[in-house]
């Protein structure tokens, strides 16, 4: 489980909205002074993510809670979001190439595969109400 502290910013019926600071590994890195990512993180400042979770415990506005996300769900979501659109991009391009329709058709087919992949990911995430849900850790 991946755990992170988050602050309750809104309670809307059965949904609790949390604000969690995006953590960077730059603070633990030895070369952060010479790294572009480290310098950018230093100048941009802290960033926060707004996350909604189903209300399972009594919480109050401003309360700091522990947010947990299953590692398997995070890895599956990342694989789905990145690999599926790219796989369809290449697959559509390769299929079009086998018909020898020209480079323009291959590019168009590849873009069609990419957009199709994003649409499938969006629909999949919309239909998964409980699959990749973060939860508030009960104490």
Protein backbone atom coordinates (compact mmCIF):
# COMPACT_ATOMS: atom_id res chain seq x y z
CA UNK A 1 0.00 0.00 0.00
CA UNK A 2 1.15 3.49 -0.80
CA UNK A 3 0.37 5.85 2.06
CA UNK A 4 0.34 9.63 2.18
CA UNK A 5 -1.10 12.24 4.47
CA UNK A 6 -3.88 14.41 3.06
CA UNK A 7 -6.08 17.19 4.39
CA UNK A 8 -9.88 17.11 4.16
CA UNK A 9 -10.96 20.16 2.12
CA UNK A 10 -14.59 19.31 1.36
CA UNK A 11 -17.27 16.83 2.44
CA UNK A 12 -20.08 16.26 -0.06
CA UNK A 13 -22.48 13.55 1.14
CA UNK A 14 -20.71 10.20 0.76
CA UNK A 15 -17.67 11.75 -0.95
CA UNK A 16 -14.72 13.32 0.86
CA UNK A 17 -12.37 15.59 -1.09
CA UNK A 18 -8.75 15.49 0.04
CA UNK A 19 -5.76 17.63 -0.82
CA UNK A 20 -2.42 15.81 -0.84
CA UNK A 21 0.97 17.35 -1.48
CA UNK A 22 2.75 15.81 -4.45
CA UNK A 23 5.96 14.35 -3.14
CA UNK A 24 9.16 14.40 -5.10
CA UNK A 25 12.15 12.14 -4.63
CA UNK A 26 14.42 15.11 -5.23
CA UNK A 27 14.82 15.83 -1.52
CA UNK A 28 16.56 12.46 -1.04
CA UNK A 29 18.74 12.66 -4.15
CA UNK A 30 22.45 13.45 -3.87
CA UNK A 31 22.70 15.34 -7.19
CA UNK A 32 19.66 17.60 -6.79
CA UNK A 33 21.78 20.75 -7.17
CA UNK A 34 22.93 19.81 -10.67
CA UNK A 35 19.72 18.21 -11.90
CA UNK A 36 17.20 20.07 -14.02
CA UNK A 37 14.28 18.31 -12.35
CA UNK A 38 15.54 19.22 -8.89
CA UNK A 39 16.07 22.86 -9.84
CA UNK A 40 12.63 23.06 -11.42
CA UNK A 41 10.97 21.49 -8.35
CA UNK A 42 12.78 24.01 -6.13
CA UNK A 43 11.51 27.02 -8.11
CA UNK A 44 8.00 25.79 -8.87
CA UNK A 45 7.27 25.06 -5.23
CA UNK A 46 4.85 22.63 -3.70
CA UNK A 47 2.07 21.14 -5.80
CA UNK A 48 -1.12 19.61 -4.48
CA UNK A 49 -3.49 17.01 -5.88
CA UNK A 50 -7.22 17.01 -5.22
CA UNK A 51 -8.54 13.47 -4.66
CA UNK A 52 -12.06 12.22 -3.99
CA UNK A 53 -12.69 9.15 -1.87
CA UNK A 54 -15.82 7.45 -0.58
CA UNK A 55 -16.58 8.42 2.98
CA UNK A 56 -15.94 5.39 5.20
CA UNK A 57 -15.11 7.13 8.49
CA UNK A 58 -16.25 10.25 10.27
CA UNK A 59 -14.03 13.11 9.14
CA UNK A 60 -14.14 16.84 9.66
CA UNK A 61 -13.03 19.76 7.51
CA UNK A 62 -9.31 20.46 7.87
CA UNK A 63 -8.56 17.07 9.43
CA UNK A 64 -5.36 15.38 8.31
CA UNK A 65 -5.97 11.74 7.38
CA UNK A 66 -3.86 8.92 5.97
CA UNK A 67 -4.67 8.18 2.32
CA UNK A 68 -3.84 4.69 1.01
CA UNK A 69 -3.73 3.45 -2.57
CA UNK A 70 -3.15 -0.23 -3.40
CA UNK A 71 0.12 -0.65 -5.32
CA UNK A 72 -1.41 -3.18 -7.72
CA UNK A 73 -4.14 -0.73 -8.68
CA UNK A 74 -1.61 2.03 -9.27
CA UNK A 75 0.59 -0.19 -11.45
CA UNK A 76 -2.38 -1.52 -13.42
CA UNK A 77 -3.69 2.00 -13.97
CA UNK A 78 -0.28 3.25 -15.12
CA UNK A 79 0.14 0.32 -17.50
CA UNK A 80 -3.33 0.86 -18.91
CA UNK A 81 -2.83 4.60 -19.36
CA UNK A 82 0.57 4.35 -21.03
CA UNK A 83 0.81 0.99 -22.74
CA UNK A 84 -2.63 0.58 -24.29
CA UNK A 85 -2.63 3.81 -26.35
CA UNK A 86 0.95 3.22 -27.54
CA UNK A 87 0.24 -0.42 -28.38
CA UNK A 88 -2.80 0.57 -30.45
CA UNK A 89 -0.81 3.33 -32.17
CA UNK A 90 1.78 0.82 -33.35
CA UNK A 91 -0.75 -1.92 -34.09
CA UNK A 92 -2.93 0.32 -36.28
CA UNK A 93 0.17 1.61 -38.11
CA UNK A 94 1.53 -1.89 -38.72
CA UNK A 95 -1.81 -3.15 -40.01
CA UNK A 96 -2.09 -0.17 -42.38
CA UNK A 97 1.47 -0.72 -43.56
CA UNK A 98 0.65 -4.31 -44.47
CA UNK A 99 -1.95 -2.98 -46.94
CA UNK A 100 0.73 -0.70 -48.48
CA UNK A 101 -1.52 2.38 -48.44
CA UNK A 102 1.30 4.89 -48.02
CA UNK A 103 2.96 6.84 -45.25
CA UNK A 104 0.10 9.32 -44.77
CA UNK A 105 -2.37 6.51 -44.17
CA UNK A 106 0.04 4.91 -41.66
CA UNK A 107 0.31 8.17 -39.72
CA UNK A 108 -3.44 8.66 -39.74
CA UNK A 109 -4.03 5.06 -38.64
CA UNK A 110 -1.45 5.43 -35.85
CA UNK A 111 -3.12 8.59 -34.56
CA UNK A 112 -6.48 6.84 -34.76
CA UNK A 113 -5.09 3.99 -32.66
CA UNK A 114 -3.68 6.44 -30.12
CA UNK A 115 -6.99 8.29 -29.77
CA UNK A 116 -8.85 4.96 -29.59
CA UNK A 117 -6.52 3.86 -26.78
CA UNK A 118 -7.16 7.05 -24.82
CA UNK A 119 -10.92 6.63 -25.30
CA UNK A 120 -10.77 3.02 -24.05
CA UNK A 121 -8.75 4.11 -20.99
CA UNK A 122 -11.20 6.91 -20.22
CA UNK A 123 -14.19 4.59 -20.51
CA UNK A 124 -12.46 1.91 -18.45
CA UNK A 125 -11.67 4.34 -15.64
CA UNK A 126 -15.19 5.78 -15.74
CA UNK A 127 -16.70 2.30 -15.31
CA UNK A 128 -14.37 1.28 -12.45
CA UNK A 129 -16.01 2.85 -9.45
CA UNK A 130 -14.26 0.72 -6.81
CA UNK A 131 -11.28 -0.72 -8.69
CA UNK A 132 -8.63 1.96 -8.32
CA UNK A 133 -10.18 3.82 -5.42
CA UNK A 134 -7.96 5.42 -2.85
CA UNK A 135 -9.17 4.98 0.70
CA UNK A 136 -8.83 6.80 3.98
CA UNK A 137 -7.01 4.60 6.48
CA UNK A 138 -9.13 3.98 9.54
CA UNK A 139 -7.28 4.42 12.79
